[in-house]
PDB file of N, CA and C in Angstrom:
ATOM      1  N   MET A   1     -15.305  25.037 -24.439  1.00  0.00           N
ATOM      2  CA  MET A   1     -15.271  23.976 -25.425  1.00  0.00           C
ATOM      3  C   MET A   1     -16.665  23.374 -25.530  1.00  0.00           C
ATOM      4  N   SER A   2     -17.140  23.246 -26.728  1.00  0.00           N
ATOM      5  CA  SER A   2     -18.481  22.711 -26.940  1.00  0.00           C
ATOM      6  C   SER A   2     -18.463  21.185 -26.892  1.00  0.00           C
ATOM      7  N   LYS A   3     -19.641  20.583 -26.808  1.00  0.00           N
ATOM      8  CA  LYS A   3     -19.741  19.127 -26.767  1.00  0.00           C
ATOM      9  C   LYS A   3     -19.197  18.499 -28.040  1.00  0.00           C
ATOM     10  N   ALA A   4     -19.402  19.138 -29.177  1.00  0.00           N
ATOM     11  CA  ALA A   4     -18.908  18.608 -30.442  1.00  0.00           C
ATOM     12  C   ALA A   4     -17.385  18.557 -30.447  1.00  0.00           C
ATOM     13  N   GLU A   5     -16.747  19.575 -29.882  1.00  0.00           N
ATOM     14  CA  GLU A   5     -15.283  19.592 -29.830  1.00  0.00           C
ATOM     15  C   GLU A   5     -14.758  18.543 -28.852  1.00  0.00           C
ATOM     16  N   ARG A   6     -15.472  18.305 -27.761  1.00  0.00           N
ATOM     17  CA  ARG A   6     -15.048  17.297 -26.794  1.00  0.00           C
ATOM     18  C   ARG A   6     -15.131  15.885 -27.366  1.00  0.00           C
ATOM     19  N   LYS A   7     -16.064  15.628 -28.262  1.00  0.00           N
ATOM     20  CA  LYS A   7     -16.189  14.303 -28.857  1.00  0.00           C
ATOM     21  C   LYS A   7     -14.981  13.989 -29.731  1.00  0.00           C
ATOM     22  N   ASP A   8     -14.339  15.011 -30.265  1.00  0.00           N
ATOM     23  CA  ASP A   8     -13.164  14.795 -31.092  1.00  0.00           C
ATOM     24  C   ASP A   8     -11.949  14.386 -30.267  1.00  0.00           C
ATOM     25  N   LEU A   9     -11.942  14.710 -29.012  1.00  0.00           N
ATOM     26  CA  LEU A   9     -10.827  14.356 -28.133  1.00  0.00           C
ATOM     27  C   LEU A   9     -11.083  12.974 -27.547  1.00  0.00           C
ATOM     28  N   TYR A  10     -10.608  11.959 -28.217  1.00  0.00           N
ATOM     29  CA  TYR A  10     -10.823  10.587 -27.772  1.00  0.00           C
ATOM     30  C   TYR A  10      -9.604  10.124 -26.966  1.00  0.00           C
ATOM     31  N   VAL A  11      -9.851   9.686 -25.751  1.00  0.00           N
ATOM     32  CA  VAL A  11      -8.797   9.127 -24.914  1.00  0.00           C
ATOM     33  C   VAL A  11      -9.084   7.634 -24.779  1.00  0.00           C
ATOM     34  N   PRO A  12      -8.157   6.798 -25.221  1.00  0.00           N
ATOM     35  CA  PRO A  12      -8.399   5.350 -25.131  1.00  0.00           C
ATOM     36  C   PRO A  12      -8.510   4.898 -23.675  1.00  0.00           C
ATOM     37  N   ASP A  13      -9.184   3.779 -23.472  1.00  0.00           N
ATOM     38  CA  ASP A  13      -9.325   3.236 -22.123  1.00  0.00           C
ATOM     39  C   ASP A  13      -7.941   2.942 -21.550  1.00  0.00           C
ATOM     40  N   HIS A  14      -7.739   3.352 -20.310  1.00  0.00           N
ATOM     41  CA  HIS A  14      -6.455   3.141 -19.668  1.00  0.00           C
ATOM     42  C   HIS A  14      -6.641   3.236 -18.159  1.00  0.00           C
ATOM     43  N   SER A  15      -5.603   2.865 -17.439  1.00  0.00           N
ATOM     44  CA  SER A  15      -5.570   3.091 -16.000  1.00  0.00           C
ATOM     45  C   SER A  15      -4.287   3.865 -15.725  1.00  0.00           C
ATOM     46  N   HIS A  16      -3.943   3.990 -14.454  1.00  0.00           N
ATOM     47  CA  HIS A  16      -2.761   4.768 -14.120  1.00  0.00           C
ATOM     48  C   HIS A  16      -1.831   3.957 -13.238  1.00  0.00           C
ATOM     49  N   CYS A  17      -0.540   4.232 -13.379  1.00  0.00           N
ATOM     50  CA  CYS A  17       0.496   3.563 -12.596  1.00  0.00           C
ATOM     51  C   CYS A  17       0.211   3.788 -11.112  1.00  0.00           C
ATOM     52  N   THR A  18       0.348   2.740 -10.333  1.00  0.00           N
ATOM     53  CA  THR A  18       0.077   2.805  -8.907  1.00  0.00           C
ATOM     54  C   THR A  18       1.043   3.741  -8.187  1.00  0.00           C
ATOM     55  N   VAL A  19       2.249   3.882  -8.706  1.00  0.00           N
ATOM     56  CA  VAL A  19       3.280   4.673  -8.042  1.00  0.00           C
ATOM     57  C   VAL A  19       3.307   6.113  -8.524  1.00  0.00           C
ATOM     58  N   CYS A  20       3.408   6.310  -9.834  1.00  0.00           N
ATOM     59  CA  CYS A  20       3.638   7.659 -10.359  1.00  0.00           C
ATOM     60  C   CYS A  20       2.442   8.252 -11.103  1.00  0.00           C
ATOM     61  N   SER A  21       1.400   7.495 -11.273  1.00  0.00           N
ATOM     62  CA  SER A  21       0.149   7.945 -11.910  1.00  0.00           C
ATOM     63  C   SER A  21       0.250   8.213 -13.407  1.00  0.00           C
ATOM     64  N   ARG A  22       1.265   7.689 -14.048  1.00  0.00           N
ATOM     65  CA  ARG A  22       1.330   7.813 -15.509  1.00  0.00           C
ATOM     66  C   ARG A  22       0.294   6.868 -16.125  1.00  0.00           C
ATOM     67  N   PRO A  23      -0.226   7.196 -17.298  1.00  0.00           N
ATOM     68  CA  PRO A  23      -1.184   6.306 -17.948  1.00  0.00           C
ATOM     69  C   PRO A  23      -0.520   4.986 -18.360  1.00  0.00           C
ATOM     70  N   VAL A  24      -1.215   3.887 -18.114  1.00  0.00           N
ATOM     71  CA  VAL A  24      -0.757   2.558 -18.528  1.00  0.00           C
ATOM     72  C   VAL A  24      -1.942   1.790 -19.099  1.00  0.00           C
ATOM     73  N   ALA A  25      -1.667   0.661 -19.704  1.00  0.00           N
ATOM     74  CA  ALA A  25      -2.728  -0.181 -20.255  1.00  0.00           C
ATOM     75  C   ALA A  25      -3.637  -0.673 -19.128  1.00  0.00           C
ATOM     76  N   LEU A  26      -4.851  -1.042 -19.476  1.00  0.00           N
ATOM     77  CA  LEU A  26      -5.828  -1.466 -18.467  1.00  0.00           C
ATOM     78  C   LEU A  26      -5.368  -2.671 -17.649  1.00  0.00           C
ATOM     79  N   ASN A  27      -4.633  -3.573 -18.258  1.00  0.00           N
ATOM     80  CA  ASN A  27      -4.251  -4.794 -17.564  1.00  0.00           C
ATOM     81  C   ASN A  27      -2.930  -4.670 -16.807  1.00  0.00           C
ATOM     82  N   LYS A  28      -2.360  -3.470 -16.711  1.00  0.00           N
ATOM     83  CA  LYS A  28      -1.098  -3.279 -16.004  1.00  0.00           C
ATOM     84  C   LYS A  28      -1.290  -2.394 -14.782  1.00  0.00           C
ATOM     85  N   TRP A  29      -0.395  -2.565 -13.795  1.00  0.00           N
ATOM     86  CA  TRP A  29      -0.434  -1.759 -12.584  1.00  0.00           C
ATOM     87  C   TRP A  29       0.691  -0.734 -12.543  1.00  0.00           C
ATOM     88  N   PHE A  30       1.782  -1.021 -13.267  1.00  0.00           N
ATOM     89  CA  PHE A  30       2.963  -0.177 -13.210  1.00  0.00           C
ATOM     90  C   PHE A  30       3.408   0.198 -14.611  1.00  0.00           C
ATOM     91  N   CYS A  31       4.040   1.375 -14.712  1.00  0.00           N
ATOM     92  CA  CYS A  31       4.501   1.834 -16.018  1.00  0.00           C
ATOM     93  C   CYS A  31       5.904   1.316 -16.332  1.00  0.00           C
ATOM     94  N   SER A  32       6.660   0.925 -15.303  1.00  0.00           N
ATOM     95  CA  SER A  32       8.024   0.454 -15.527  1.00  0.00           C
ATOM     96  C   SER A  32       8.442  -0.503 -14.414  1.00  0.00           C
ATOM     97  N   ASP A  33       9.569  -1.162 -14.636  1.00  0.00           N
ATOM     98  CA  ASP A  33      10.114  -2.045 -13.606  1.00  0.00           C
ATOM     99  C   ASP A  33      10.563  -1.239 -12.389  1.00  0.00           C
ATOM    100  N   GLU A  34      11.003  -0.010 -12.622  1.00  0.00           N
ATOM    101  CA  GLU A  34      11.430   0.860 -11.534  1.00  0.00           C
ATOM    102  C   GLU A  34      10.266   1.161 -10.591  1.00  0.00           C
ATOM    103  N   CYS A  35       9.103   1.488 -11.153  1.00  0.00           N
ATOM    104  CA  CYS A  35       7.921   1.756 -10.323  1.00  0.00           C
ATOM    105  C   CYS A  35       7.483   0.500  -9.581  1.00  0.00           C
ATOM    106  N   GLU A  36       7.577  -0.641 -10.215  1.00  0.00           N
ATOM    107  CA  GLU A  36       7.209  -1.890  -9.550  1.00  0.00           C
ATOM    108  C   GLU A  36       8.146  -2.171  -8.377  1.00  0.00           C
ATOM    109  N   ALA A  37       9.449  -1.911  -8.566  1.00  0.00           N
ATOM    110  CA  ALA A  37      10.419  -2.107  -7.482  1.00  0.00           C
ATOM    111  C   ALA A  37      10.154  -1.143  -6.330  1.00  0.00           C
ATOM    112  N   LYS A  38       9.824   0.113  -6.648  1.00  0.00           N
ATOM    113  CA  LYS A  38       9.505   1.089  -5.606  1.00  0.00           C
ATOM    114  C   LYS A  38       8.277   0.639  -4.814  1.00  0.00           C
ATOM    115  N   TYR A  39       7.266   0.137  -5.515  1.00  0.00           N
ATOM    116  CA  TYR A  39       6.038  -0.325  -4.866  1.00  0.00           C
ATOM    117  C   TYR A  39       6.339  -1.490  -3.925  1.00  0.00           C
ATOM    118  N   LYS A  40       7.119  -2.460  -4.404  1.00  0.00           N
ATOM    119  CA  LYS A  40       7.441  -3.622  -3.574  1.00  0.00           C
ATOM    120  C   LYS A  40       8.245  -3.213  -2.348  1.00  0.00           C
ATOM    121  N   ASP A  41       9.166  -2.275  -2.516  1.00  0.00           N
ATOM    122  CA  ASP A  41       9.960  -1.785  -1.392  1.00  0.00           C
ATOM    123  C   ASP A  41       9.069  -1.086  -0.369  1.00  0.00           C
ATOM    124  N   THR A  42       8.150  -0.268  -0.843  1.00  0.00           N
ATOM    125  CA  THR A  42       7.230   0.440   0.045  1.00  0.00           C
ATOM    126  C   THR A  42       6.353  -0.550   0.812  1.00  0.00           C
ATOM    127  N   MET A  43       5.849  -1.567   0.127  1.00  0.00           N
ATOM    128  CA  MET A  43       5.002  -2.557   0.790  1.00  0.00           C
ATOM    129  C   MET A  43       5.792  -3.351   1.831  1.00  0.00           C
ATOM    130  N   LYS A  44       7.053  -3.647   1.541  1.00  0.00           N
ATOM    131  CA  LYS A  44       7.896  -4.367   2.491  1.00  0.00           C
ATOM    132  C   LYS A  44       8.111  -3.521   3.745  1.00  0.00           C
ATOM    133  N   LYS A  45       8.361  -2.220   3.567  1.00  0.00           N
ATOM    134  CA  LYS A  45       8.540  -1.320   4.704  1.00  0.00           C
ATOM    135  C   LYS A  45       7.259  -1.210   5.528  1.00  0.00           C
ATOM    136  N   ARG A  46       6.111  -1.122   4.862  1.00  0.00           N
ATOM    137  CA  ARG A  46       4.832  -1.045   5.581  1.00  0.00           C
ATOM    138  C   ARG A  46       4.573  -2.306   6.383  1.00  0.00           C
ATOM    139  N   ARG A  47       4.872  -3.462   5.787  1.00  0.00           N
ATOM    140  CA  ARG A  47       4.652  -4.737   6.463  1.00  0.00           C
ATOM    141  C   ARG A  47       5.553  -4.823   7.701  1.00  0.00           C
ATOM    142  N   THR A  48       6.823  -4.425   7.562  1.00  0.00           N
ATOM    143  CA  THR A  48       7.756  -4.447   8.682  1.00  0.00           C
ATOM    144  C   THR A  48       7.285  -3.510   9.790  1.00  0.00           C
ATOM    145  N   ARG A  49       6.853  -2.318   9.416  1.00  0.00           N
ATOM    146  CA  ARG A  49       6.362  -1.343  10.393  1.00  0.00           C
ATOM    147  C   ARG A  49       5.124  -1.877  11.103  1.00  0.00           C
ATOM    148  N   SER A  50       4.253  -2.539  10.364  1.00  0.00           N
ATOM    149  CA  SER A  50       3.039  -3.092  10.952  1.00  0.00           C
ATOM    150  C   SER A  50       3.376  -4.177  11.974  1.00  0.00           C
ATOM    151  N   TYR A  51       4.317  -5.070  11.640  1.00  0.00           N
ATOM    152  CA  TYR A  51       4.731  -6.111  12.575  1.00  0.00           C
ATOM    153  C   TYR A  51       5.361  -5.506  13.821  1.00  0.00           C
ATOM    154  N   LEU A  52       6.135  -4.449  13.643  1.00  0.00           N
ATOM    155  CA  LEU A  52       6.770  -3.784  14.773  1.00  0.00           C
ATOM    156  C   LEU A  52       5.719  -3.176  15.700  1.00  0.00           C
ATOM    157  N   ILE A  53       4.736  -2.517  15.137  1.00  0.00           N
ATOM    158  CA  ILE A  53       3.676  -1.901  15.943  1.00  0.00           C
ATOM    159  C   ILE A  53       2.880  -2.974  16.692  1.00  0.00           C
ATOM    160  N   MET A  54       2.574  -4.083  16.016  1.00  0.00           N
ATOM    161  CA  MET A  54       1.841  -5.156  16.689  1.00  0.00           C
ATOM    162  C   MET A  54       2.670  -5.753  17.823  1.00  0.00           C
ATOM    163  N   SER A  55       3.964  -5.888  17.614  1.00  0.00           N
ATOM    164  CA  SER A  55       4.838  -6.424  18.657  1.00  0.00           C
ATOM    165  C   SER A  55       4.892  -5.489  19.855  1.00  0.00           C
ATOM    166  N   ILE A  56       5.023  -4.200  19.601  1.00  0.00           N
ATOM    167  CA  ILE A  56       5.076  -3.220  20.685  1.00  0.00           C
ATOM    168  C   ILE A  56       3.769  -3.234  21.476  1.00  0.00           C
ATOM    169  N   ALA A  57       2.659  -3.450  20.810  1.00  0.00           N
ATOM    170  CA  ALA A  57       1.371  -3.507  21.495  1.00  0.00           C
ATOM    171  C   ALA A  57       1.211  -4.816  22.273  1.00  0.00           C
ATOM    172  N   PHE A  58       1.792  -5.893  21.781  1.00  0.00           N
ATOM    173  CA  PHE A  58       1.619  -7.205  22.402  1.00  0.00           C
ATOM    174  C   PHE A  58       2.503  -7.393  23.633  1.00  0.00           C
ATOM    175  N   ILE A  59       3.710  -6.844  23.636  1.00  0.00           N
ATOM    176  CA  ILE A  59       4.665  -7.076  24.724  1.00  0.00           C
ATOM    177  C   ILE A  59       4.122  -6.630  26.084  1.00  0.00           C
ATOM    178  N   PRO A  60       3.574  -5.429  26.247  1.00  0.00           N
ATOM    179  CA  PRO A  60       3.034  -5.057  27.576  1.00  0.00           C
ATOM    180  C   PRO A  60       1.888  -5.971  28.022  1.00  0.00           C
ATOM    181  N   ILE A  61       1.067  -6.393  27.100  1.00  0.00           N
ATOM    182  CA  ILE A  61      -0.037  -7.299  27.443  1.00  0.00           C
ATOM    183  C   ILE A  61       0.519  -8.630  27.932  1.00  0.00           C
ATOM    184  N   ALA A  62       1.539  -9.142  27.245  1.00  0.00           N
ATOM    185  CA  ALA A  62       2.150 -10.407  27.656  1.00  0.00           C
ATOM    186  C   ALA A  62       2.800 -10.265  29.034  1.00  0.00           C
ATOM    187  N   ILE A  63       3.474  -9.160  29.277  1.00  0.00           N
ATOM    188  CA  ILE A  63       4.108  -8.940  30.581  1.00  0.00           C
ATOM    189  C   ILE A  63       3.051  -8.880  31.683  1.00  0.00           C
ATOM    190  N   LEU A  64       1.953  -8.172  31.438  1.00  0.00           N
ATOM    191  CA  LEU A  64       0.882  -8.096  32.438  1.00  0.00           C
ATOM    192  C   LEU A  64       0.286  -9.475  32.724  1.00  0.00           C
ATOM    193  N   LEU A  65       0.098 -10.260  31.689  1.00  0.00           N
ATOM    194  CA  LEU A  65      -0.443 -11.616  31.894  1.00  0.00           C
ATOM    195  C   LEU A  65       0.519 -12.473  32.691  1.00  0.00           C
ATOM    196  N   ILE A  66       1.789 -12.396  32.416  1.00  0.00           N
ATOM    197  CA  ILE A  66       2.778 -13.191  33.161  1.00  0.00           C
ATOM    198  C   ILE A  66       2.810 -12.777  34.622  1.00  0.00           C
ATOM    199  N   PHE A  67       2.830 -11.470  34.889  1.00  0.00           N
ATOM    200  CA  PHE A  67       2.848 -11.015  36.278  1.00  0.00           C
ATOM    201  C   PHE A  67       1.559 -11.366  37.020  1.00  0.00           C
ATOM    202  N   SER A  68       0.434 -11.314  36.300  1.00  0.00           N
ATOM    203  CA  SER A  68      -0.819 -11.672  36.963  1.00  0.00           C
ATOM    204  C   SER A  68      -0.862 -13.161  37.306  1.00  0.00           C
ATOM    205  N   MET A  69      -0.269 -13.990  36.460  1.00  0.00           N
ATOM    206  CA  MET A  69      -0.222 -15.437  36.755  1.00  0.00           C
ATOM    207  C   MET A  69       0.724 -15.715  37.916  1.00  0.00           C
ATOM    208  N   LEU A  70       1.860 -15.047  37.941  1.00  0.00           N
ATOM    209  CA  LEU A  70       2.835 -15.274  39.012  1.00  0.00           C
ATOM    210  C   LEU A  70       2.413 -14.605  40.322  1.00  0.00           C
ATOM    211  N   GLY A  71       1.747 -13.499  40.229  1.00  0.00           N
ATOM    212  CA  GLY A  71       1.346 -12.754  41.429  1.00  0.00           C
ATOM    213  C   GLY A  71       0.178 -13.380  42.164  1.00  0.00           C
ATOM    214  N   GLY A  72      -0.579 -14.221  41.530  1.00  0.00           N
ATOM    215  CA  GLY A  72      -1.752 -14.820  42.134  1.00  0.00           C
ATOM    216  C   GLY A  72      -1.409 -15.942  43.109  1.00  0.00           C
ATOM    217  N   LYS A  73      -0.167 -16.385  43.137  1.00  0.00           N
ATOM    218  CA  LYS A  73       0.226 -17.516  44.004  1.00  0.00           C
ATOM    219  C   LYS A  73       0.681 -17.058  45.344  1.00  0.00           C
TER     220      LYS A  73
END
């Protein structure tokens, strides 16, 4: 395809849906309410998983600190 032919193919400015990558208007993140709901559900699961991982990492440290305080007496 030559440069002249490519100039005829005009694609308006757009972005893509965060979930499914369909083209959407520049000021939007999602193409539908369904994609927005999927995104919110995914973010909620990630946040829950992150809190769980932080808790699992914190509990052994807290136990070690408690035993070190009690064991020093």
